[in-house]
């Protein structure tokens, strides 16, 4: 099983239970204490910017985007991004990110932030936020706060605290 036929599909309401089970298996109960999860509790993700990865009918991955404000600037928060452990290292996570960012750009969004590892997310255009430019409520390692511009210069002049925003 070296080459898998992966299908990336828009998330549907029927996917929610399977995605929640996947997140529970992948991140465990500690996920609810994380700052990014706390922000997502306040504002639901945007279904048309959230996607699943499937091998046949089996859901093996998921990514969601949620609306946020960075100071007074609209943006999106990417996550959670999760892939079933046996299906990792096959490009599924990157395919989900590419699809989500492409759809967000097509719909006029300009900025996406996340908390994650730059070597992994940098492949999709995410870069470490300049120290003090953007903050999140709660504990976050500043080296893991990443931002991607979906249009050139979108981060120019953007600064402040990240908070959830209505969709």
Protein backbone atom coordinates (compact mmCIF):
# COMPACT_ATOMS: atom_id res chain seq x y z
CA UNK A 1 0.00 0.00 0.00
CA UNK A 2 2.47 2.62 -1.17
CA UNK A 3 0.28 4.72 -3.47
CA UNK A 4 -3.06 5.67 -2.00
CA UNK A 5 -5.90 7.26 -3.89
CA UNK A 6 -6.66 10.24 -1.63
CA UNK A 7 -9.78 12.30 -2.14
CA UNK A 8 -10.04 15.77 -0.60
CA UNK A 9 -13.66 16.77 -0.07
CA UNK A 10 -15.47 19.68 1.52
CA UNK A 11 -16.50 18.86 5.07
CA UNK A 12 -20.18 18.10 5.58
CA UNK A 13 -22.28 18.14 8.75
CA UNK A 14 -22.32 14.33 8.62
CA UNK A 15 -18.50 14.30 8.97
CA UNK A 16 -18.52 15.99 12.40
CA UNK A 17 -18.71 12.84 14.58
CA UNK A 18 -15.90 11.10 12.66
CA UNK A 19 -13.74 14.24 12.79
CA UNK A 20 -14.29 14.57 16.54
CA UNK A 21 -13.28 10.93 17.05
CA UNK A 22 -10.17 11.49 14.90
CA UNK A 23 -9.21 14.60 16.91
CA UNK A 24 -9.78 12.74 20.18
CA UNK A 25 -7.53 9.86 19.05
CA UNK A 26 -4.86 12.17 17.68
CA UNK A 27 -4.71 14.95 20.29
CA UNK A 28 -6.31 13.39 23.39
CA UNK A 29 -8.24 15.20 26.09
CA UNK A 30 -5.46 17.76 26.66
CA UNK A 31 -6.41 19.45 23.40
CA UNK A 32 -9.18 21.40 25.10
CA UNK A 33 -6.68 23.28 27.27
CA UNK A 34 -4.70 24.59 24.30
CA UNK A 35 -5.11 28.24 23.36
CA UNK A 36 -6.10 27.53 19.74
CA UNK A 37 -8.83 25.13 20.87
CA UNK A 38 -10.12 27.72 23.32
CA UNK A 39 -10.44 30.26 20.49
CA UNK A 40 -12.27 27.72 18.33
CA UNK A 41 -14.77 27.04 21.13
CA UNK A 42 -15.96 30.63 20.84
CA UNK A 43 -16.51 30.63 17.08
CA UNK A 44 -17.35 27.63 14.92
CA UNK A 45 -15.21 26.75 11.94
CA UNK A 46 -16.26 27.77 8.44
CA UNK A 47 -17.63 24.62 6.75
CA UNK A 48 -16.92 25.79 3.18
CA UNK A 49 -13.25 26.28 4.17
CA UNK A 50 -12.91 22.96 5.98
CA UNK A 51 -11.97 19.69 4.31
CA UNK A 52 -11.62 15.98 4.82
CA UNK A 53 -9.24 13.46 3.29
CA UNK A 54 -10.53 10.01 2.43
CA UNK A 55 -9.13 6.74 1.23
CA UNK A 56 -12.20 5.22 -0.34
CA UNK A 57 -14.95 5.95 2.16
CA UNK A 58 -12.57 6.00 5.17
CA UNK A 59 -12.03 9.47 6.64
CA UNK A 60 -8.28 9.69 7.32
CA UNK A 61 -7.71 13.43 7.74
CA UNK A 62 -9.31 16.76 8.44
CA UNK A 63 -8.48 20.46 8.44
CA UNK A 64 -10.63 23.37 9.54
CA UNK A 65 -10.44 27.15 9.26
CA UNK A 66 -12.13 29.45 11.78
CA UNK A 67 -12.63 33.22 11.66
CA UNK A 68 -10.45 35.38 13.90
CA UNK A 69 -9.43 38.98 14.34
CA UNK A 70 -5.81 40.05 14.69
CA UNK A 71 -6.19 43.41 16.34
CA UNK A 72 -8.77 44.87 13.96
CA UNK A 73 -7.80 42.78 10.92
CA UNK A 74 -9.84 39.80 9.75
CA UNK A 75 -8.01 36.52 9.44
CA UNK A 76 -8.42 32.77 9.74
CA UNK A 77 -7.10 30.25 12.25
CA UNK A 78 -6.01 26.94 10.71
CA UNK A 79 -6.64 23.87 12.77
CA UNK A 80 -6.94 21.39 13.92
CA UNK A 81 -5.12 19.61 11.14
CA UNK A 82 -5.09 15.91 11.80
CA UNK A 83 -4.29 12.72 9.92
CA UNK A 84 -4.78 9.16 11.14
CA UNK A 85 -1.35 7.91 12.30
CA UNK A 86 -1.11 4.99 9.80
CA UNK A 87 -1.66 7.47 6.94
CA UNK A 88 0.92 10.07 7.95
CA UNK A 89 3.99 10.88 5.85
CA UNK A 90 2.01 10.43 2.64
CA UNK A 91 1.32 14.11 1.90
CA UNK A 92 -2.26 14.06 3.18
CA UNK A 93 -1.77 16.91 5.66
CA UNK A 94 -0.09 19.08 3.05
CA UNK A 95 -2.86 18.31 0.53
CA UNK A 96 -5.48 19.37 3.08
CA UNK A 97 -3.60 22.62 3.82
CA UNK A 98 -3.18 23.45 0.12
CA UNK A 99 -6.89 22.90 -0.53
CA UNK A 100 -7.98 24.96 2.50
CA UNK A 101 -5.63 27.86 1.72
CA UNK A 102 -6.62 27.83 -1.95
CA UNK A 103 -10.31 28.01 -1.13
CA UNK A 104 -9.71 30.73 1.46
CA UNK A 105 -7.77 32.80 -1.08
CA UNK A 106 -10.46 32.26 -3.72
CA UNK A 107 -13.06 33.56 -1.26
CA UNK A 108 -11.06 36.74 -0.60
CA UNK A 109 -9.35 35.88 2.68
CA UNK A 110 -5.88 37.34 3.08
CA UNK A 111 -4.29 35.99 6.29
CA UNK A 112 -4.13 32.63 8.04
CA UNK A 113 -2.46 31.94 11.38
CA UNK A 114 -1.78 28.75 13.30
CA UNK A 115 0.24 27.33 16.14
CA UNK A 116 2.60 24.69 14.81
CA UNK A 117 6.04 23.66 13.62
CA UNK A 118 7.56 25.96 11.00
CA UNK A 119 9.54 23.21 9.21
CA UNK A 120 6.25 21.44 8.43
CA UNK A 121 3.92 24.39 7.81
CA UNK A 122 6.61 26.46 6.08
CA UNK A 123 6.14 24.19 3.04
CA UNK A 124 2.73 25.85 2.66
CA UNK A 125 3.97 29.42 3.06
CA UNK A 126 3.69 29.87 6.83
CA UNK A 127 6.38 31.92 8.55
CA UNK A 128 7.10 32.75 12.16
CA UNK A 129 5.37 35.92 13.28
CA UNK A 130 7.74 38.74 14.22
CA UNK A 131 8.22 38.93 17.97
CA UNK A 132 5.49 41.04 19.58
CA UNK A 133 3.58 41.61 16.32
CA UNK A 134 0.76 39.20 17.13
CA UNK A 135 -0.21 37.60 20.41
CA UNK A 136 -2.67 34.92 21.44
CA UNK A 137 -4.57 34.73 24.69
CA UNK A 138 -3.13 32.09 26.96
CA UNK A 139 0.19 30.31 26.76
CA UNK A 140 1.67 29.91 23.28
CA UNK A 141 5.30 29.38 22.35
CA UNK A 142 6.00 32.48 20.19
CA UNK A 143 8.27 30.40 17.92
CA UNK A 144 5.25 28.27 16.99
CA UNK A 145 2.93 31.18 16.10
CA UNK A 146 2.94 31.18 12.30
CA UNK A 147 1.27 33.32 9.65
CA UNK A 148 0.65 32.87 5.92
CA UNK A 149 -0.21 35.73 3.58
CA UNK A 150 -2.71 34.67 0.94
CA UNK A 151 -2.02 37.89 -0.93
CA UNK A 152 1.28 39.80 -0.99
CA UNK A 153 1.61 42.37 1.79
CA UNK A 154 -1.47 41.13 3.64
CA UNK A 155 0.40 41.15 6.96
CA UNK A 156 1.80 44.66 6.54
CA UNK A 157 0.73 46.73 9.51
CA UNK A 158 -1.18 43.85 11.11
CA UNK A 159 -0.60 43.57 14.83
CA UNK A 160 -2.39 42.91 18.08
CA UNK A 161 -4.10 40.18 19.96
CA UNK A 162 -5.80 37.29 18.21
CA UNK A 163 -9.40 36.73 19.23
CA UNK A 164 -12.30 34.79 17.79
CA UNK A 165 -14.58 36.57 15.36
CA UNK A 166 -18.04 35.90 14.04
CA UNK A 167 -18.07 33.99 10.76
